[in-house]
Amino acid sequence: MKRSCEHCRELIVGSAYRVTSKEDGITLLNMVVCSLCSMEAKRLRLHAEEISVSTKPSSLRNRGSHPSRLGI
């Protein structure tokens, strides 16, 4: 699955970054962005860290890790 930047909507090529902002323990911002948008976030003094983006869809990645609620 290809990821797109949640800020500029461009395809993320290379590293992805999580940009977050909290105030008084409340998360105000939590986005996965491209490297260019992460640089802009850092310039604005927001927290940005490189993350690993899996190519597997989350439904396949989590299969078997949680018991089925439906009992199927």
N, C-alpha and C. Protein backbone atom coordinates (compact mmCIF):
# COMPACT_ATOMS: atom_id res chain seq x y z
N MET A 1 0.85 -1.19 0.00
CA MET A 1 0.00 0.00 0.00
C MET A 1 0.89 1.24 0.00
N LYS A 2 0.64 2.14 -0.90
CA LYS A 2 1.42 3.37 -0.97
C LYS A 2 0.77 4.41 -0.07
N ARG A 3 1.62 5.13 0.66
CA ARG A 3 1.12 6.14 1.58
C ARG A 3 1.24 7.52 0.95
N SER A 4 0.32 8.38 1.29
CA SER A 4 0.42 9.76 0.85
C SER A 4 0.54 10.66 2.07
N CYS A 5 1.18 11.78 1.87
CA CYS A 5 1.40 12.76 2.94
C CYS A 5 0.04 13.33 3.37
N GLU A 6 -0.19 13.35 4.67
CA GLU A 6 -1.46 13.86 5.19
C GLU A 6 -1.51 15.39 5.17
N HIS A 7 -0.41 16.04 4.79
CA HIS A 7 -0.41 17.50 4.70
C HIS A 7 -0.53 17.97 3.26
N CYS A 8 0.41 17.53 2.40
CA CYS A 8 0.41 18.01 1.00
C CYS A 8 -0.27 17.03 0.04
N ARG A 9 -0.59 15.83 0.51
CA ARG A 9 -1.28 14.78 -0.26
C ARG A 9 -0.43 14.16 -1.35
N GLU A 10 0.88 14.47 -1.40
CA GLU A 10 1.78 13.84 -2.37
C GLU A 10 2.14 12.45 -1.89
N LEU A 11 2.55 11.58 -2.81
CA LEU A 11 2.99 10.24 -2.48
C LEU A 11 4.27 10.33 -1.65
N ILE A 12 4.36 9.56 -0.57
CA ILE A 12 5.57 9.57 0.26
C ILE A 12 6.58 8.64 -0.40
N VAL A 13 7.70 9.22 -0.83
CA VAL A 13 8.80 8.47 -1.42
C VAL A 13 9.95 8.58 -0.44
N GLY A 14 10.46 7.45 -0.01
CA GLY A 14 11.53 7.46 0.99
C GLY A 14 10.94 7.43 2.39
N SER A 15 11.51 8.20 3.27
CA SER A 15 11.11 8.18 4.68
C SER A 15 9.79 8.90 4.93
N ALA A 16 9.07 8.39 5.89
CA ALA A 16 7.85 9.04 6.37
C ALA A 16 8.12 9.56 7.77
N TYR A 17 7.40 10.58 8.18
CA TYR A 17 7.61 11.21 9.48
C TYR A 17 6.28 11.41 10.17
N ARG A 18 6.28 11.25 11.49
CA ARG A 18 5.09 11.55 12.29
C ARG A 18 5.32 12.92 12.92
N VAL A 19 4.40 13.83 12.67
CA VAL A 19 4.45 15.18 13.24
C VAL A 19 3.37 15.26 14.31
N THR A 20 3.78 15.66 15.51
CA THR A 20 2.83 15.73 16.62
C THR A 20 2.96 17.06 17.34
N SER A 21 1.88 17.43 17.99
CA SER A 21 1.87 18.62 18.83
C SER A 21 0.92 18.33 19.99
N LYS A 22 1.39 18.60 21.20
CA LYS A 22 0.55 18.41 22.39
C LYS A 22 0.56 19.68 23.21
N GLU A 23 -0.56 19.91 23.87
CA GLU A 23 -0.67 21.04 24.79
C GLU A 23 -1.45 20.56 26.01
N ASP A 24 -0.85 20.73 27.17
CA ASP A 24 -1.47 20.28 28.43
C ASP A 24 -1.86 18.81 28.37
N GLY A 25 -1.01 17.98 27.72
CA GLY A 25 -1.25 16.55 27.63
C GLY A 25 -2.28 16.15 26.59
N ILE A 26 -2.83 17.10 25.87
CA ILE A 26 -3.84 16.82 24.85
C ILE A 26 -3.19 16.88 23.47
N THR A 27 -3.36 15.81 22.70
CA THR A 27 -2.79 15.78 21.35
C THR A 27 -3.62 16.67 20.43
N LEU A 28 -2.96 17.67 19.87
CA LEU A 28 -3.62 18.59 18.96
C LEU A 28 -3.36 18.24 17.50
N LEU A 29 -2.22 17.58 17.25
CA LEU A 29 -1.82 17.25 15.89
C LEU A 29 -1.11 15.91 15.90
N ASN A 30 -1.45 15.04 14.95
CA ASN A 30 -0.82 13.73 14.81
C ASN A 30 -0.97 13.32 13.35
N MET A 31 0.06 13.59 12.54
CA MET A 31 -0.01 13.36 11.10
C MET A 31 1.20 12.59 10.61
N VAL A 32 1.02 11.80 9.55
CA VAL A 32 2.13 11.15 8.86
C VAL A 32 2.38 11.98 7.61
N VAL A 33 3.63 12.47 7.48
CA VAL A 33 3.95 13.39 6.39
C VAL A 33 5.22 12.97 5.66
N CYS A 34 5.46 13.62 4.52
CA CYS A 34 6.67 13.39 3.72
C CYS A 34 7.84 14.18 4.32
N SER A 35 9.02 13.97 3.76
CA SER A 35 10.21 14.62 4.31
C SER A 35 10.16 16.15 4.16
N LEU A 36 9.63 16.65 3.04
CA LEU A 36 9.55 18.11 2.87
C LEU A 36 8.61 18.74 3.90
N CYS A 37 7.48 18.11 4.14
CA CYS A 37 6.53 18.64 5.13
C CYS A 37 7.09 18.50 6.54
N SER A 38 7.90 17.45 6.79
CA SER A 38 8.52 17.31 8.11
C SER A 38 9.52 18.43 8.36
N MET A 39 10.23 18.85 7.32
CA MET A 39 11.18 19.97 7.46
C MET A 39 10.42 21.26 7.79
N GLU A 40 9.29 21.45 7.15
CA GLU A 40 8.46 22.63 7.44
C GLU A 40 7.93 22.57 8.87
N ALA A 41 7.53 21.39 9.31
CA ALA A 41 7.04 21.21 10.68
C ALA A 41 8.14 21.54 11.69
N LYS A 42 9.36 21.07 11.42
CA LYS A 42 10.48 21.36 12.33
C LYS A 42 10.77 22.86 12.35
N ARG A 43 10.67 23.52 11.19
CA ARG A 43 10.87 24.97 11.13
C ARG A 43 9.85 25.69 12.01
N LEU A 44 8.65 25.11 12.09
CA LEU A 44 7.59 25.68 12.92
C LEU A 44 7.66 25.20 14.38
N ARG A 45 8.76 24.49 14.69
CA ARG A 45 9.03 23.98 16.04
C ARG A 45 8.02 22.94 16.52
N LEU A 46 7.53 22.12 15.57
CA LEU A 46 6.70 20.99 15.91
C LEU A 46 7.58 19.75 16.02
N HIS A 47 7.15 18.77 16.78
CA HIS A 47 7.91 17.54 16.94
C HIS A 47 7.70 16.67 15.71
N ALA A 48 8.81 16.24 15.07
CA ALA A 48 8.73 15.37 13.89
C ALA A 48 9.77 14.27 14.05
N GLU A 49 9.33 13.02 13.90
CA GLU A 49 10.25 11.89 14.00
C GLU A 49 10.03 10.94 12.84
N GLU A 50 11.15 10.37 12.35
CA GLU A 50 11.06 9.41 11.26
C GLU A 50 10.38 8.14 11.75
N ILE A 51 9.52 7.58 10.92
CA ILE A 51 8.81 6.36 11.30
C ILE A 51 8.98 5.31 10.21
N SER A 52 8.70 4.08 10.55
CA SER A 52 8.72 2.98 9.60
C SER A 52 7.31 2.80 9.07
N VAL A 53 7.17 2.82 7.76
CA VAL A 53 5.85 2.64 7.15
C VAL A 53 5.83 1.28 6.50
N SER A 54 4.95 0.42 6.98
CA SER A 54 4.83 -0.93 6.45
C SER A 54 4.11 -0.91 5.11
N THR A 55 4.44 -1.86 4.26
CA THR A 55 3.76 -1.97 2.97
C THR A 55 2.55 -2.89 3.05
N LYS A 56 2.39 -3.60 4.18
CA LYS A 56 1.23 -4.48 4.34
C LYS A 56 0.04 -3.68 4.83
N PRO A 57 -1.15 -3.97 4.33
CA PRO A 57 -2.35 -3.32 4.87
C PRO A 57 -2.51 -3.70 6.34
N SER A 58 -3.03 -2.81 7.14
CA SER A 58 -3.14 -3.05 8.57
C SER A 58 -4.00 -4.27 8.88
N SER A 59 -4.98 -4.58 8.04
CA SER A 59 -5.84 -5.75 8.30
C SER A 59 -5.03 -7.04 8.22
N LEU A 60 -4.03 -7.10 7.35
CA LEU A 60 -3.18 -8.28 7.26
C LEU A 60 -2.13 -8.29 8.35
N ARG A 61 -1.61 -7.12 8.68
CA ARG A 61 -0.56 -7.00 9.68
C ARG A 61 -1.05 -7.44 11.05
N ASN A 62 -2.31 -7.16 11.38
CA ASN A 62 -2.84 -7.46 12.71
C ASN A 62 -3.57 -8.79 12.79
N ARG A 63 -3.72 -9.47 11.68
CA ARG A 63 -4.46 -10.73 11.66
C ARG A 63 -3.78 -11.73 12.60
N GLY A 64 -4.56 -12.31 13.49
CA GLY A 64 -4.02 -13.30 14.40
C GLY A 64 -3.47 -12.72 15.69
N SER A 65 -3.27 -11.43 15.75
CA SER A 65 -2.72 -10.84 16.97
C SER A 65 -3.80 -10.56 18.00
N HIS A 66 -5.06 -10.53 17.57
CA HIS A 66 -6.18 -10.29 18.48
C HIS A 66 -7.22 -11.37 18.27
N PRO A 67 -7.83 -11.83 19.34
CA PRO A 67 -8.89 -12.82 19.17
C PRO A 67 -10.09 -12.22 18.43
N SER A 68 -10.73 -13.04 17.66
CA SER A 68 -11.89 -12.59 16.90
C SER A 68 -13.06 -12.30 17.84
N ARG A 69 -13.68 -11.17 17.66
CA ARG A 69 -14.84 -10.82 18.48
C ARG A 69 -16.09 -11.54 18.01
N LEU A 70 -16.07 -12.01 16.76
CA LEU A 70 -17.24 -12.66 16.21
C LEU A 70 -17.21 -14.18 16.40
N GLY A 71 -16.08 -14.72 16.82
CA GLY A 71 -15.96 -16.15 17.02
C GLY A 71 -15.96 -16.95 15.73
N ILE A 72 -15.60 -16.31 14.64
CA ILE A 72 -15.59 -16.98 13.33
C ILE A 72 -14.23 -17.58 13.08
